[in-house]
Amino acid sequence: MKFLFDNNLPPGLARGLAELSRTEIDVEAVIPLRDKFKHNETDPMWLAALIAEGGWHVVSIDRYRSPVEKELIRRGGVTVFVLDPQWSKPHWVQAAQLVLWWPKILGIARLTSNTALRVPWRFTNKSTFQPLRF
């Protein structure tokens, strides 16, 4: 599995989770978008590139409102984890919360492809992802 963190999340967050995920045999990469694409690459361009490459999961706070983005996600083959707007917090707070969610995200990523899921802010053992319709 490969994970790409969109530009709306701190690059250090992806790099920290990459380090924490080193013991996960099936996690090949956890990288910020800017480590793979130009910092100003448009969402449709990098989404299309990830789809062509295959095996990618995206973590983002983005709403993906553009019809082109929605269509790419709908038919593309990537799983997108969209963090709720409440995730727009200082990076230390985001990091602490995402570390709690990460095992659940990995578990769902192992089971799904070509879907978009909303990740709520609140975490409990019973917390679940909500499917997003595009």
C-alpha atoms as a PDB file:
ATOM      1  CA  MET A   1       0.000   0.000   0.000  1.00  0.00           C
ATOM      2  CA  LYS A   2       1.114   3.504  -0.779  1.00  0.00           C
ATOM      3  CA  PHE A   3      -0.259   6.642   0.852  1.00  0.00           C
ATOM      4  CA  LEU A   4       0.000  10.183  -0.445  1.00  0.00           C
ATOM      5  CA  PHE A   5      -0.822  13.115   1.839  1.00  0.00           C
ATOM      6  CA  ASP A   6      -2.290  16.086  -0.008  1.00  0.00           C
ATOM      7  CA  ASN A   7      -0.685  19.532   0.225  1.00  0.00           C
ATOM      8  CA  ASN A   8      -3.314  20.662   2.733  1.00  0.00           C
ATOM      9  CA  LEU A   9      -1.618  18.516   5.397  1.00  0.00           C
ATOM     10  CA  PRO A  10       1.861  19.128   6.849  1.00  0.00           C
ATOM     11  CA  PRO A  11       4.568  17.125   5.020  1.00  0.00           C
ATOM     12  CA  GLY A  12       6.050  16.128   8.380  1.00  0.00           C
ATOM     13  CA  LEU A  13       2.812  14.361   9.241  1.00  0.00           C
ATOM     14  CA  ALA A  14       3.229  11.963   6.319  1.00  0.00           C
ATOM     15  CA  ARG A  15       6.920  11.484   7.063  1.00  0.00           C
ATOM     16  CA  GLY A  16       6.231  10.758  10.732  1.00  0.00           C
ATOM     17  CA  LEU A  17       3.577   8.190   9.883  1.00  0.00           C
ATOM     18  CA  ALA A  18       5.937   6.661   7.337  1.00  0.00           C
ATOM     19  CA  GLU A  19       8.442   6.086  10.111  1.00  0.00           C
ATOM     20  CA  LEU A  20       5.772   4.665  12.432  1.00  0.00           C
ATOM     21  CA  SER A  21       4.547   2.379   9.621  1.00  0.00           C
ATOM     22  CA  ARG A  22       7.931   0.784   8.949  1.00  0.00           C
ATOM     23  CA  THR A  23       6.845  -2.341  10.856  1.00  0.00           C
ATOM     24  CA  GLU A  24       3.793  -2.741   8.596  1.00  0.00           C
ATOM     25  CA  ILE A  25       4.991  -5.187   5.925  1.00  0.00           C
ATOM     26  CA  ASP A  26       2.401  -4.107   3.358  1.00  0.00           C
ATOM     27  CA  VAL A  27       3.004  -0.338   3.660  1.00  0.00           C
ATOM     28  CA  GLU A  28       5.374   0.609   0.845  1.00  0.00           C
ATOM     29  CA  ALA A  29       5.227   4.380   1.186  1.00  0.00           C
ATOM     30  CA  VAL A  30       3.675   7.236   3.145  1.00  0.00           C
ATOM     31  CA  ILE A  31       4.698  10.492   1.481  1.00  0.00           C
ATOM     32  CA  PRO A  32       3.609  14.096   1.155  1.00  0.00           C
ATOM     33  CA  LEU A  33       2.428  15.141  -2.295  1.00  0.00           C
ATOM     34  CA  ARG A  34       5.418  17.435  -2.799  1.00  0.00           C
ATOM     35  CA  ASP A  35       7.801  14.479  -2.562  1.00  0.00           C
ATOM     36  CA  LYS A  36       6.270  12.977  -5.711  1.00  0.00           C
ATOM     37  CA  PHE A  37       4.864  15.942  -7.671  1.00  0.00           C
ATOM     38  CA  LYS A  38       5.546  19.630  -8.162  1.00  0.00           C
ATOM     39  CA  HIS A  39       4.196  21.673  -5.247  1.00  0.00           C
ATOM     40  CA  ASN A  40       1.728  23.437  -7.557  1.00  0.00           C
ATOM     41  CA  GLU A  41       0.533  20.363  -9.485  1.00  0.00           C
ATOM     42  CA  THR A  42      -3.229  20.436  -9.972  1.00  0.00           C
ATOM     43  CA  ASP A  43      -5.372  17.851  -8.203  1.00  0.00           C
ATOM     44  CA  PRO A  44      -6.664  16.310 -11.466  1.00  0.00           C
ATOM     45  CA  MET A  45      -3.106  15.888 -12.757  1.00  0.00           C
ATOM     46  CA  TRP A  46      -1.689  14.117  -9.725  1.00  0.00           C
ATOM     47  CA  LEU A  47      -4.871  12.083  -9.177  1.00  0.00           C
ATOM     48  CA  ALA A  48      -4.672  10.831 -12.765  1.00  0.00           C
ATOM     49  CA  ALA A  49      -0.985   9.954 -12.288  1.00  0.00           C
ATOM     50  CA  LEU A  50      -1.718   7.995  -9.093  1.00  0.00           C
ATOM     51  CA  ILE A  51      -4.570   6.158 -10.801  1.00  0.00           C
ATOM     52  CA  ALA A  52      -2.328   5.222 -13.723  1.00  0.00           C
ATOM     53  CA  GLU A  53       0.347   3.940 -11.333  1.00  0.00           C
ATOM     54  CA  GLY A  54      -2.112   2.037  -9.131  1.00  0.00           C
ATOM     55  CA  GLY A  55      -2.051   1.015  -5.497  1.00  0.00           C
ATOM     56  CA  TRP A  56      -2.355   4.499  -4.008  1.00  0.00           C
ATOM     57  CA  HIS A  57      -4.451   5.816  -1.120  1.00  0.00           C
ATOM     58  CA  VAL A  58      -4.866   9.554  -0.584  1.00  0.00           C
ATOM     59  CA  VAL A  59      -5.252  11.340   2.753  1.00  0.00           C
ATOM     60  CA  SER A  60      -6.612  14.863   2.500  1.00  0.00           C
ATOM     61  CA  ILE A  61      -8.771  17.566   4.052  1.00  0.00           C
ATOM     62  CA  ASP A  62      -9.752  18.680   0.548  1.00  0.00           C
ATOM     63  CA  ARG A  63     -13.442  18.560  -0.363  1.00  0.00           C
ATOM     64  CA  TYR A  64     -12.850  17.489  -3.988  1.00  0.00           C
ATOM     65  CA  ARG A  65     -15.705  19.579  -5.321  1.00  0.00           C
ATOM     66  CA  SER A  66     -14.627  19.856  -8.945  1.00  0.00           C
ATOM     67  CA  PRO A  67     -16.540  17.563 -11.326  1.00  0.00           C
ATOM     68  CA  VAL A  68     -13.234  16.407 -12.844  1.00  0.00           C
ATOM     69  CA  GLU A  69     -11.835  15.407  -9.438  1.00  0.00           C
ATOM     70  CA  LYS A  70     -15.074  13.652  -8.497  1.00  0.00           C
ATOM     71  CA  GLU A  71     -15.102  11.692 -11.735  1.00  0.00           C
ATOM     72  CA  LEU A  72     -11.451  10.669 -11.345  1.00  0.00           C
ATOM     73  CA  ILE A  73     -12.100   9.424  -7.821  1.00  0.00           C
ATOM     74  CA  ARG A  74     -15.362   7.731  -8.809  1.00  0.00           C
ATOM     75  CA  ARG A  75     -13.860   5.643 -11.588  1.00  0.00           C
ATOM     76  CA  GLY A  76     -10.202   5.827 -10.722  1.00  0.00           C
ATOM     77  CA  GLY A  77      -8.993   3.065  -8.446  1.00  0.00           C
ATOM     78  CA  VAL A  78      -7.689   5.146  -5.548  1.00  0.00           C
ATOM     79  CA  THR A  79      -9.078   5.198  -2.047  1.00  0.00           C
ATOM     80  CA  VAL A  80      -9.408   8.701  -0.656  1.00  0.00           C
ATOM     81  CA  PHE A  81      -9.597   9.325   3.078  1.00  0.00           C
ATOM     82  CA  VAL A  82     -11.109  12.792   3.498  1.00  0.00           C
ATOM     83  CA  LEU A  83     -10.550  14.231   6.949  1.00  0.00           C
ATOM     84  CA  ASP A  84     -13.461  16.206   8.378  1.00  0.00           C
ATOM     85  CA  PRO A  85     -13.083  20.005   8.512  1.00  0.00           C
ATOM     86  CA  GLN A  86     -12.466  19.699  12.279  1.00  0.00           C
ATOM     87  CA  TRP A  87      -9.042  18.304  11.372  1.00  0.00           C
ATOM     88  CA  SER A  88      -7.938  21.862  10.513  1.00  0.00           C
ATOM     89  CA  LYS A  89      -6.018  22.227  13.761  1.00  0.00           C
ATOM     90  CA  PRO A  90      -2.366  22.961  14.623  1.00  0.00           C
ATOM     91  CA  HIS A  91      -0.103  20.215  13.298  1.00  0.00           C
ATOM     92  CA  TRP A  92       0.697  18.729  16.728  1.00  0.00           C
ATOM     93  CA  VAL A  93      -3.001  18.244  17.407  1.00  0.00           C
ATOM     94  CA  GLN A  94      -3.519  16.768  13.924  1.00  0.00           C
ATOM     95  CA  ALA A  95      -0.571  14.424  14.434  1.00  0.00           C
ATOM     96  CA  ALA A  96      -1.807  13.139  17.789  1.00  0.00           C
ATOM     97  CA  GLN A  97      -5.279  12.445  16.401  1.00  0.00           C
ATOM     98  CA  LEU A  98      -4.042  10.859  13.179  1.00  0.00           C
ATOM     99  CA  VAL A  99      -1.788   8.481  15.108  1.00  0.00           C
ATOM    100  CA  LEU A 100      -4.941   7.252  16.871  1.00  0.00           C
ATOM    101  CA  TRP A 101      -6.762   6.805  13.539  1.00  0.00           C
ATOM    102  CA  TRP A 102      -3.844   5.351  11.561  1.00  0.00           C
ATOM    103  CA  PRO A 103      -4.343   1.650  12.449  1.00  0.00           C
ATOM    104  CA  LYS A 104      -8.017   1.908  11.406  1.00  0.00           C
ATOM    105  CA  ILE A 105      -7.051   3.692   8.181  1.00  0.00           C
ATOM    106  CA  LEU A 106      -4.526   0.940   7.420  1.00  0.00           C
ATOM    107  CA  GLY A 107      -7.120  -1.734   8.133  1.00  0.00           C
ATOM    108  CA  ILE A 108      -9.692  -0.187   5.791  1.00  0.00           C
ATOM    109  CA  ALA A 109      -7.061   0.491   3.119  1.00  0.00           C
ATOM    110  CA  ARG A 110      -6.216  -3.216   3.119  1.00  0.00           C
ATOM    111  CA  LEU A 111      -9.843  -4.072   2.373  1.00  0.00           C
ATOM    112  CA  THR A 112     -10.962  -1.377  -0.059  1.00  0.00           C
ATOM    113  CA  SER A 113     -10.086   0.322  -3.297  1.00  0.00           C
ATOM    114  CA  ASN A 114     -11.760   2.901  -5.476  1.00  0.00           C
ATOM    115  CA  THR A 115     -13.739   4.568  -2.724  1.00  0.00           C
ATOM    116  CA  ALA A 116     -13.902   7.815  -0.784  1.00  0.00           C
ATOM    117  CA  LEU A 117     -14.355   7.770   2.971  1.00  0.00           C
ATOM    118  CA  ARG A 118     -14.846  10.559   5.465  1.00  0.00           C
ATOM    119  CA  VAL A 119     -12.675  10.339   8.576  1.00  0.00           C
ATOM    120  CA  PRO A 120     -14.399  12.014  11.521  1.00  0.00           C
ATOM    121  CA  TRP A 121     -12.363  13.937  14.073  1.00  0.00           C
ATOM    122  CA  ARG A 122     -13.688  12.131  17.122  1.00  0.00           C
ATOM    123  CA  PHE A 123     -11.978   8.804  17.760  1.00  0.00           C
ATOM    124  CA  THR A 124     -13.327   5.934  19.826  1.00  0.00           C
ATOM    125  CA  ASN A 125     -12.990   2.182  19.473  1.00  0.00           C
ATOM    126  CA  LYS A 126     -16.384   2.239  17.752  1.00  0.00           C
ATOM    127  CA  SER A 127     -15.572   5.136  15.394  1.00  0.00           C
ATOM    128  CA  THR A 128     -16.298   4.375  11.754  1.00  0.00           C
ATOM    129  CA  PHE A 129     -15.682   5.886   8.361  1.00  0.00           C
ATOM    130  CA  GLN A 130     -18.580   7.277   6.365  1.00  0.00           C
ATOM    131  CA  PRO A 131     -18.697   6.685   2.600  1.00  0.00           C
ATOM    132  CA  LEU A 132     -18.675   9.840   0.497  1.00  0.00           C
ATOM    133  CA  ARG A 133     -20.774   9.975  -2.645  1.00  0.00           C
ATOM    134  CA  PHE A 134     -19.399  11.727  -5.666  1.00  0.00           C
END
